[in-house]
Amino acid sequence: MATLLLDSARLEVVLSGTERALSFHKGNVEIERSAIAKVQLTDDPFTWLRGVASPGTHVRGVIAMGTWRSTGADDFAIIRRRRPGVVIDLDGHPEYQRVILTTRHGLALVQALQLDVDEEPTDVVEIVTASIPTVPAVPRGRKASAPAPAV
């Protein structure tokens, strides 16, 4: 599963060696934050595919990785099985109009994009969990047992 790193200027989709090989993509996918037009969560990322894999790998219902070309639009997809994912619509990106990813951290990505983040790239899950205020746990003592009634 691709790792999502976010800093103040860009979102980086870090691909594993296998994902790079199957998608025929040499490096990571970098997206300027200003190019992100919309982010949508989806239960089935396969329904968002349009066009044909060129270059890429596609086994229907199992895997879709690579560039998907359709009339007037190129999308980048990293999809595995029928798992939840995220669809990132782009405006002004030099290569892609949309990025479709299978990830457990779609909600964390949406929340992280709404926050101001550091200059250093950080995993979106860490950004979101760091922004949630925590309340220190209050130690709970045992209740003292009540004396037995006199008979």
N, C-alpha and C. Protein backbone atom coordinates (compact mmCIF):
# COMPACT_ATOMS: atom_id res chain seq x y z
N MET A 1 0.84 -1.16 0.00
CA MET A 1 0.00 0.00 0.00
C MET A 1 0.89 1.24 0.00
N ALA A 2 0.56 2.19 -0.83
CA ALA A 2 1.36 3.40 -0.96
C ALA A 2 1.31 4.21 0.33
N THR A 3 2.43 4.86 0.65
CA THR A 3 2.52 5.73 1.81
C THR A 3 2.25 7.15 1.35
N LEU A 4 1.47 7.90 2.11
CA LEU A 4 1.13 9.27 1.77
C LEU A 4 1.88 10.21 2.69
N LEU A 5 2.77 11.03 2.12
CA LEU A 5 3.52 12.02 2.89
C LEU A 5 3.04 13.40 2.50
N LEU A 6 2.88 14.27 3.50
CA LEU A 6 2.36 15.60 3.26
C LEU A 6 3.23 16.62 3.96
N ASP A 7 3.56 17.71 3.27
CA ASP A 7 4.20 18.84 3.91
C ASP A 7 3.41 20.09 3.53
N SER A 8 3.94 21.25 3.84
CA SER A 8 3.18 22.48 3.61
C SER A 8 2.98 22.77 2.13
N ALA A 9 3.80 22.20 1.24
CA ALA A 9 3.72 22.53 -0.17
C ALA A 9 3.18 21.40 -1.05
N ARG A 10 3.37 20.13 -0.64
CA ARG A 10 3.00 19.06 -1.56
C ARG A 10 2.62 17.78 -0.84
N LEU A 11 1.91 16.93 -1.60
CA LEU A 11 1.56 15.58 -1.18
C LEU A 11 2.41 14.64 -2.02
N GLU A 12 3.03 13.67 -1.38
CA GLU A 12 3.86 12.71 -2.09
C GLU A 12 3.31 11.31 -1.86
N VAL A 13 3.05 10.61 -2.95
CA VAL A 13 2.60 9.23 -2.89
C VAL A 13 3.85 8.38 -3.08
N VAL A 14 4.33 7.77 -1.99
CA VAL A 14 5.56 6.98 -2.01
C VAL A 14 5.21 5.56 -2.42
N LEU A 15 5.78 5.12 -3.53
CA LEU A 15 5.49 3.79 -4.07
C LEU A 15 6.54 2.78 -3.63
N SER A 16 6.10 1.56 -3.32
CA SER A 16 7.03 0.48 -3.01
C SER A 16 7.66 0.00 -4.32
N GLY A 17 8.67 -0.84 -4.22
CA GLY A 17 9.32 -1.39 -5.41
C GLY A 17 8.36 -2.15 -6.29
N THR A 18 7.48 -2.93 -5.68
CA THR A 18 6.49 -3.70 -6.42
C THR A 18 5.51 -2.77 -7.14
N GLU A 19 5.06 -1.73 -6.44
CA GLU A 19 4.13 -0.78 -7.04
C GLU A 19 4.78 -0.04 -8.22
N ARG A 20 6.05 0.29 -8.08
CA ARG A 20 6.76 0.95 -9.19
C ARG A 20 6.85 0.03 -10.39
N ALA A 21 7.16 -1.24 -10.15
CA ALA A 21 7.29 -2.19 -11.25
C ALA A 21 5.95 -2.42 -11.95
N LEU A 22 4.89 -2.64 -11.17
CA LEU A 22 3.59 -2.93 -11.76
C LEU A 22 2.94 -1.71 -12.42
N SER A 23 3.29 -0.52 -11.94
CA SER A 23 2.72 0.70 -12.53
C SER A 23 3.59 1.28 -13.64
N PHE A 24 4.78 0.68 -13.83
CA PHE A 24 5.73 1.19 -14.82
C PHE A 24 6.04 2.66 -14.57
N HIS A 25 6.18 3.02 -13.29
CA HIS A 25 6.45 4.40 -12.89
C HIS A 25 7.78 4.43 -12.16
N LYS A 26 8.69 5.28 -12.59
CA LYS A 26 10.05 5.27 -12.05
C LYS A 26 10.17 5.80 -10.63
N GLY A 27 9.42 6.82 -10.30
CA GLY A 27 9.56 7.44 -8.98
C GLY A 27 8.23 7.58 -8.28
N ASN A 28 8.25 8.37 -7.22
CA ASN A 28 7.04 8.66 -6.48
C ASN A 28 6.19 9.67 -7.24
N VAL A 29 4.92 9.75 -6.90
CA VAL A 29 4.02 10.73 -7.51
C VAL A 29 3.97 11.93 -6.58
N GLU A 30 4.37 13.09 -7.10
CA GLU A 30 4.38 14.31 -6.30
C GLU A 30 3.29 15.25 -6.80
N ILE A 31 2.52 15.77 -5.84
CA ILE A 31 1.39 16.64 -6.17
C ILE A 31 1.50 17.91 -5.34
N GLU A 32 1.52 19.05 -6.00
CA GLU A 32 1.49 20.31 -5.27
C GLU A 32 0.13 20.45 -4.59
N ARG A 33 0.13 20.92 -3.35
CA ARG A 33 -1.14 21.08 -2.64
C ARG A 33 -2.09 22.02 -3.36
N SER A 34 -1.53 23.02 -4.04
CA SER A 34 -2.36 23.97 -4.76
C SER A 34 -3.06 23.32 -5.96
N ALA A 35 -2.56 22.17 -6.44
CA ALA A 35 -3.16 21.47 -7.58
C ALA A 35 -4.30 20.54 -7.15
N ILE A 36 -4.47 20.31 -5.86
CA ILE A 36 -5.53 19.42 -5.37
C ILE A 36 -6.85 20.17 -5.37
N ALA A 37 -7.76 19.75 -6.25
CA ALA A 37 -9.06 20.41 -6.36
C ALA A 37 -10.08 19.78 -5.42
N LYS A 38 -10.05 18.44 -5.30
CA LYS A 38 -11.07 17.75 -4.49
C LYS A 38 -10.53 16.39 -4.08
N VAL A 39 -10.91 15.95 -2.89
CA VAL A 39 -10.55 14.62 -2.40
C VAL A 39 -11.84 13.93 -1.99
N GLN A 40 -12.05 12.71 -2.52
CA GLN A 40 -13.26 11.96 -2.22
C GLN A 40 -12.90 10.58 -1.69
N LEU A 41 -13.61 10.13 -0.69
CA LEU A 41 -13.45 8.77 -0.19
C LEU A 41 -14.36 7.86 -0.99
N THR A 42 -13.91 6.62 -1.22
CA THR A 42 -14.71 5.66 -1.98
C THR A 42 -14.55 4.27 -1.40
N ASP A 43 -15.62 3.48 -1.45
CA ASP A 43 -15.57 2.10 -0.99
C ASP A 43 -15.01 1.17 -2.06
N ASP A 44 -15.13 1.58 -3.34
CA ASP A 44 -14.66 0.74 -4.43
C ASP A 44 -13.93 1.60 -5.47
N PRO A 45 -12.61 1.74 -5.34
CA PRO A 45 -11.86 2.58 -6.27
C PRO A 45 -11.93 2.11 -7.73
N PHE A 46 -12.20 0.82 -7.98
CA PHE A 46 -12.28 0.33 -9.36
C PHE A 46 -13.35 1.06 -10.16
N THR A 47 -14.41 1.52 -9.51
CA THR A 47 -15.48 2.20 -10.23
C THR A 47 -15.04 3.56 -10.78
N TRP A 48 -13.92 4.08 -10.31
CA TRP A 48 -13.43 5.38 -10.74
C TRP A 48 -12.46 5.30 -11.92
N LEU A 49 -12.08 4.09 -12.32
CA LEU A 49 -11.15 3.95 -13.44
C LEU A 49 -11.84 4.36 -14.74
N ARG A 50 -11.11 5.06 -15.59
CA ARG A 50 -11.62 5.43 -16.90
C ARG A 50 -10.49 5.26 -17.91
N GLY A 51 -10.81 4.78 -19.08
CA GLY A 51 -9.80 4.58 -20.11
C GLY A 51 -9.12 3.23 -20.00
N VAL A 52 -7.88 3.17 -20.48
CA VAL A 52 -7.11 1.93 -20.49
C VAL A 52 -5.75 2.15 -19.84
N ALA A 53 -5.21 1.08 -19.30
CA ALA A 53 -3.88 1.14 -18.68
C ALA A 53 -2.84 1.31 -19.78
N SER A 54 -2.05 2.39 -19.69
CA SER A 54 -1.06 2.64 -20.73
C SER A 54 0.02 3.57 -20.22
N PRO A 55 1.11 3.16 -19.69
CA PRO A 55 1.46 1.80 -19.31
C PRO A 55 0.91 1.48 -17.93
N GLY A 56 0.73 0.21 -17.67
CA GLY A 56 0.23 -0.20 -16.38
C GLY A 56 -0.15 -1.67 -16.35
N THR A 57 -0.61 -2.11 -15.20
CA THR A 57 -1.00 -3.49 -14.98
C THR A 57 -2.45 -3.52 -14.53
N HIS A 58 -3.26 -4.40 -15.15
CA HIS A 58 -4.66 -4.48 -14.76
C HIS A 58 -5.12 -5.93 -14.80
N VAL A 59 -5.58 -6.41 -13.65
CA VAL A 59 -6.25 -7.70 -13.54
C VAL A 59 -7.60 -7.36 -12.93
N ARG A 60 -8.66 -7.49 -13.69
CA ARG A 60 -10.00 -7.04 -13.30
C ARG A 60 -10.39 -7.51 -11.88
N GLY A 61 -10.73 -6.54 -11.04
CA GLY A 61 -11.18 -6.82 -9.68
C GLY A 61 -10.07 -7.17 -8.70
N VAL A 62 -8.82 -7.26 -9.18
CA VAL A 62 -7.71 -7.66 -8.32
C VAL A 62 -6.69 -6.54 -8.17
N ILE A 63 -6.25 -5.98 -9.29
CA ILE A 63 -5.19 -4.98 -9.24
C ILE A 63 -5.31 -4.04 -10.44
N ALA A 64 -5.02 -2.78 -10.20
CA ALA A 64 -4.94 -1.78 -11.26
C ALA A 64 -3.86 -0.79 -10.84
N MET A 65 -2.76 -0.81 -11.55
CA MET A 65 -1.64 0.08 -11.21
C MET A 65 -1.06 0.68 -12.48
N GLY A 66 -0.86 1.98 -12.45
CA GLY A 66 -0.23 2.66 -13.57
C GLY A 66 -1.01 3.86 -14.05
N THR A 67 -0.68 4.30 -15.26
CA THR A 67 -1.33 5.44 -15.87
C THR A 67 -2.51 4.94 -16.70
N TRP A 68 -3.66 5.57 -16.50
CA TRP A 68 -4.87 5.22 -17.24
C TRP A 68 -5.19 6.37 -18.17
N ARG A 69 -5.17 6.08 -19.46
CA ARG A 69 -5.39 7.12 -20.47
C ARG A 69 -6.82 7.02 -21.01
N SER A 70 -7.45 8.18 -21.06
CA SER A 70 -8.77 8.28 -21.68
C SER A 70 -8.78 9.55 -22.51
N THR A 71 -9.85 9.84 -23.18
CA THR A 71 -9.93 11.01 -24.03
C THR A 71 -9.74 12.27 -23.19
N GLY A 72 -8.63 12.93 -23.41
CA GLY A 72 -8.37 14.20 -22.75
C GLY A 72 -7.98 14.13 -21.29
N ALA A 73 -7.74 12.94 -20.73
CA ALA A 73 -7.40 12.85 -19.31
C ALA A 73 -6.49 11.67 -19.04
N ASP A 74 -5.51 11.89 -18.19
CA ASP A 74 -4.64 10.83 -17.71
C ASP A 74 -4.80 10.74 -16.20
N ASP A 75 -5.01 9.52 -15.71
CA ASP A 75 -5.16 9.28 -14.27
C ASP A 75 -4.04 8.34 -13.83
N PHE A 76 -3.67 8.43 -12.56
CA PHE A 76 -2.71 7.49 -12.00
C PHE A 76 -3.43 6.67 -10.95
N ALA A 77 -3.28 5.35 -11.01
CA ALA A 77 -4.01 4.46 -10.10
C ALA A 77 -3.08 3.47 -9.42
N ILE A 78 -3.29 3.27 -8.13
CA ILE A 78 -2.69 2.19 -7.36
C ILE A 78 -3.85 1.58 -6.57
N ILE A 79 -4.46 0.54 -7.15
CA ILE A 79 -5.65 -0.07 -6.55
C ILE A 79 -5.41 -1.55 -6.35
N ARG A 80 -5.74 -2.02 -5.15
CA ARG A 80 -5.63 -3.45 -4.82
C ARG A 80 -6.97 -3.96 -4.30
N ARG A 81 -7.44 -5.01 -4.91
CA ARG A 81 -8.68 -5.69 -4.52
C ARG A 81 -9.82 -4.72 -4.29
N ARG A 82 -10.81 -5.14 -3.59
CA ARG A 82 -11.99 -4.31 -3.31
C ARG A 82 -11.85 -3.71 -1.91
N ARG A 83 -10.94 -2.78 -1.78
CA ARG A 83 -10.70 -2.12 -0.51
C ARG A 83 -11.05 -0.64 -0.64
N PRO A 84 -11.30 0.03 0.49
CA PRO A 84 -11.61 1.46 0.42
C PRO A 84 -10.43 2.26 -0.11
N GLY A 85 -10.73 3.41 -0.63
CA GLY A 85 -9.67 4.23 -1.20
C GLY A 85 -10.04 5.69 -1.23
N VAL A 86 -9.24 6.43 -1.99
CA VAL A 86 -9.41 7.87 -2.11
C VAL A 86 -9.20 8.26 -3.56
N VAL A 87 -9.99 9.24 -4.01
CA VAL A 87 -9.87 9.79 -5.36
C VAL A 87 -9.49 11.26 -5.19
N ILE A 88 -8.34 11.63 -5.75
CA ILE A 88 -7.83 12.99 -5.65
C ILE A 88 -7.95 13.64 -7.03
N ASP A 89 -8.85 14.60 -7.16
CA ASP A 89 -9.01 15.35 -8.41
C ASP A 89 -7.99 16.49 -8.43
N LEU A 90 -7.30 16.63 -9.56
CA LEU A 90 -6.23 17.62 -9.68
C LEU A 90 -6.59 18.68 -10.70
N ASP A 91 -6.08 19.87 -10.46
CA ASP A 91 -6.29 20.98 -11.39
C ASP A 91 -4.93 21.65 -11.59
N GLY A 92 -4.37 21.50 -12.78
CA GLY A 92 -3.09 22.13 -13.06
C GLY A 92 -1.88 21.24 -12.83
N HIS A 93 -2.07 19.96 -12.62
CA HIS A 93 -0.94 19.03 -12.47
C HIS A 93 -0.39 18.74 -13.86
N PRO A 94 0.94 18.70 -14.03
CA PRO A 94 1.51 18.51 -15.37
C PRO A 94 1.25 17.15 -16.00
N GLU A 95 1.01 16.10 -15.18
CA GLU A 95 0.84 14.76 -15.74
C GLU A 95 -0.57 14.20 -15.64
N TYR A 96 -1.21 14.38 -14.50
CA TYR A 96 -2.46 13.67 -14.22
C TYR A 96 -3.61 14.63 -13.89
N GLN A 97 -4.81 14.16 -14.21
CA GLN A 97 -6.02 14.89 -13.82
C GLN A 97 -6.62 14.30 -12.55
N ARG A 98 -6.23 13.05 -12.24
CA ARG A 98 -6.79 12.38 -11.07
C ARG A 98 -5.82 11.32 -10.59
N VAL A 99 -5.78 11.11 -9.27
CA VAL A 99 -5.00 10.03 -8.66
C VAL A 99 -5.98 9.20 -7.84
N ILE A 100 -5.98 7.88 -8.09
CA ILE A 100 -6.90 6.97 -7.41
C ILE A 100 -6.06 5.97 -6.63
N LEU A 101 -6.26 5.90 -5.33
CA LEU A 101 -5.43 5.05 -4.47
C LEU A 101 -6.27 4.19 -3.55
N THR A 102 -5.83 2.98 -3.31
CA THR A 102 -6.38 2.15 -2.26
C THR A 102 -5.58 2.48 -1.00
N THR A 103 -6.28 2.90 0.04
CA THR A 103 -5.60 3.23 1.29
C THR A 103 -6.58 3.15 2.45
N ARG A 104 -6.06 2.73 3.59
CA ARG A 104 -6.86 2.73 4.82
C ARG A 104 -6.90 4.12 5.44
N HIS A 105 -6.06 5.01 4.91
CA HIS A 105 -5.88 6.32 5.54
C HIS A 105 -6.50 7.46 4.75
N GLY A 106 -7.56 7.18 4.01
CA GLY A 106 -8.23 8.21 3.24
C GLY A 106 -8.79 9.33 4.11
N LEU A 107 -9.44 8.96 5.20
CA LEU A 107 -10.01 9.96 6.10
C LEU A 107 -8.89 10.80 6.72
N ALA A 108 -7.79 10.16 7.08
CA ALA A 108 -6.64 10.89 7.64
C ALA A 108 -6.09 11.88 6.62
N LEU A 109 -6.06 11.49 5.34
CA LEU A 109 -5.59 12.40 4.29
C LEU A 109 -6.50 13.61 4.19
N VAL A 110 -7.81 13.39 4.16
CA VAL A 110 -8.75 14.50 4.07
C VAL A 110 -8.56 15.45 5.26
N GLN A 111 -8.43 14.90 6.46
CA GLN A 111 -8.25 15.72 7.65
C GLN A 111 -6.91 16.45 7.62
N ALA A 112 -5.85 15.77 7.19
CA ALA A 112 -4.52 16.38 7.16
C ALA A 112 -4.44 17.52 6.15
N LEU A 113 -5.15 17.41 5.04
CA LEU A 113 -5.14 18.47 4.04
C LEU A 113 -5.81 19.75 4.56
N GLN A 114 -6.63 19.62 5.58
CA GLN A 114 -7.30 20.78 6.15
C GLN A 114 -6.46 21.45 7.23
N LEU A 115 -5.35 20.85 7.61
CA LEU A 115 -4.49 21.38 8.66
C LEU A 115 -3.27 22.07 8.07
N ASP A 116 -2.70 23.01 8.84
CA ASP A 116 -1.41 23.58 8.48
C ASP A 116 -0.35 22.60 8.98
N VAL A 117 0.57 22.23 8.10
CA VAL A 117 1.58 21.24 8.47
C VAL A 117 2.98 21.83 8.33
N ASP A 118 3.96 21.09 8.84
CA ASP A 118 5.35 21.53 8.82
C ASP A 118 5.93 21.47 7.41
N GLU A 119 7.13 22.01 7.29
CA GLU A 119 7.87 21.96 6.03
C GLU A 119 8.39 20.56 5.75
N GLU A 120 8.57 19.76 6.78
CA GLU A 120 9.12 18.41 6.65
C GLU A 120 8.01 17.42 6.26
N PRO A 121 8.20 16.60 5.22
CA PRO A 121 7.17 15.62 4.86
C PRO A 121 6.90 14.63 5.99
N THR A 122 5.63 14.43 6.30
CA THR A 122 5.22 13.55 7.38
C THR A 122 4.06 12.69 6.91
N ASP A 123 4.01 11.46 7.40
CA ASP A 123 2.91 10.56 7.08
C ASP A 123 1.60 11.19 7.53
N VAL A 124 0.56 11.11 6.70
CA VAL A 124 -0.71 11.76 7.01
C VAL A 124 -1.33 11.25 8.30
N VAL A 125 -1.12 9.99 8.62
CA VAL A 125 -1.68 9.43 9.86
C VAL A 125 -1.03 10.09 11.07
N GLU A 126 0.27 10.32 11.01
CA GLU A 126 0.97 10.98 12.12
C GLU A 126 0.53 12.43 12.27
N ILE A 127 0.26 13.10 11.16
CA ILE A 127 -0.20 14.50 11.21
C ILE A 127 -1.53 14.58 11.94
N VAL A 128 -2.44 13.71 11.58
CA VAL A 128 -3.79 13.76 12.16
C VAL A 128 -3.76 13.35 13.63
N THR A 129 -3.03 12.28 13.96
CA THR A 129 -3.01 11.84 15.35
C THR A 129 -2.27 12.83 16.24
N ALA A 130 -1.32 13.57 15.70
CA ALA A 130 -0.61 14.57 16.49
C ALA A 130 -1.48 15.79 16.75
N SER A 131 -2.45 16.04 15.87
CA SER A 131 -3.30 17.22 16.03
C SER A 131 -4.48 16.99 16.98
N ILE A 132 -4.72 15.75 17.35
CA ILE A 132 -5.82 15.45 18.27
C ILE A 132 -5.34 15.69 19.69
N PRO A 133 -5.98 16.60 20.40
CA PRO A 133 -5.56 16.86 21.77
C PRO A 133 -5.86 15.65 22.65
N THR A 134 -4.94 15.37 23.52
CA THR A 134 -5.14 14.25 24.44
C THR A 134 -5.28 14.78 25.86
N VAL A 135 -6.10 14.13 26.61
CA VAL A 135 -6.32 14.48 28.00
C VAL A 135 -5.60 13.44 28.84
N PRO A 136 -4.77 13.89 29.78
CA PRO A 136 -4.07 12.90 30.59
C PRO A 136 -5.06 12.03 31.37
N ALA A 137 -4.72 10.79 31.46
CA ALA A 137 -5.59 9.85 32.16
C ALA A 137 -5.61 10.15 33.65
N VAL A 138 -6.78 10.12 34.21
CA VAL A 138 -6.93 10.33 35.65
C VAL A 138 -6.93 8.97 36.31
N PRO A 139 -5.99 8.74 37.24
CA PRO A 139 -5.96 7.43 37.87
C PRO A 139 -7.24 7.19 38.67
N ARG A 140 -7.74 6.03 38.50
CA ARG A 140 -8.96 5.67 39.22
C ARG A 140 -8.59 4.80 40.40
N GLY A 141 -9.08 5.22 41.53
CA GLY A 141 -8.82 4.43 42.73
C GLY A 141 -9.93 3.41 42.93
N ARG A 142 -9.66 2.44 43.72
CA ARG A 142 -10.69 1.45 44.00
C ARG A 142 -11.65 2.02 45.03
N LYS A 143 -12.89 1.69 44.84
CA LYS A 143 -13.88 2.13 45.81
C LYS A 143 -13.67 1.35 47.10
N ALA A 144 -13.77 2.08 48.17
CA ALA A 144 -13.64 1.40 49.46
C ALA A 144 -14.91 0.61 49.69
N SER A 145 -14.73 -0.59 50.18
CA SER A 145 -15.89 -1.42 50.40
C SER A 145 -16.65 -0.89 51.62
N ALA A 146 -17.96 -0.91 51.51
CA ALA A 146 -18.79 -0.43 52.61
C ALA A 146 -18.81 -1.49 53.71
N PRO A 147 -18.85 -1.03 54.94
CA PRO A 147 -18.87 -2.01 56.04
C PRO A 147 -20.19 -2.80 55.98
N ALA A 148 -20.11 -4.02 56.36
CA ALA A 148 -21.29 -4.89 56.35
C ALA A 148 -22.25 -4.39 57.44
N PRO A 149 -23.56 -4.43 57.15
CA PRO A 149 -24.52 -3.98 58.17
C PRO A 149 -24.52 -4.94 59.38
N ALA A 150 -24.70 -4.35 60.52
CA ALA A 150 -24.74 -5.16 61.76
C ALA A 150 -26.06 -5.88 61.85
N VAL A 151 -26.00 -7.13 62.24
CA VAL A 151 -27.22 -7.92 62.35
C VAL A 151 -27.53 -8.18 63.79
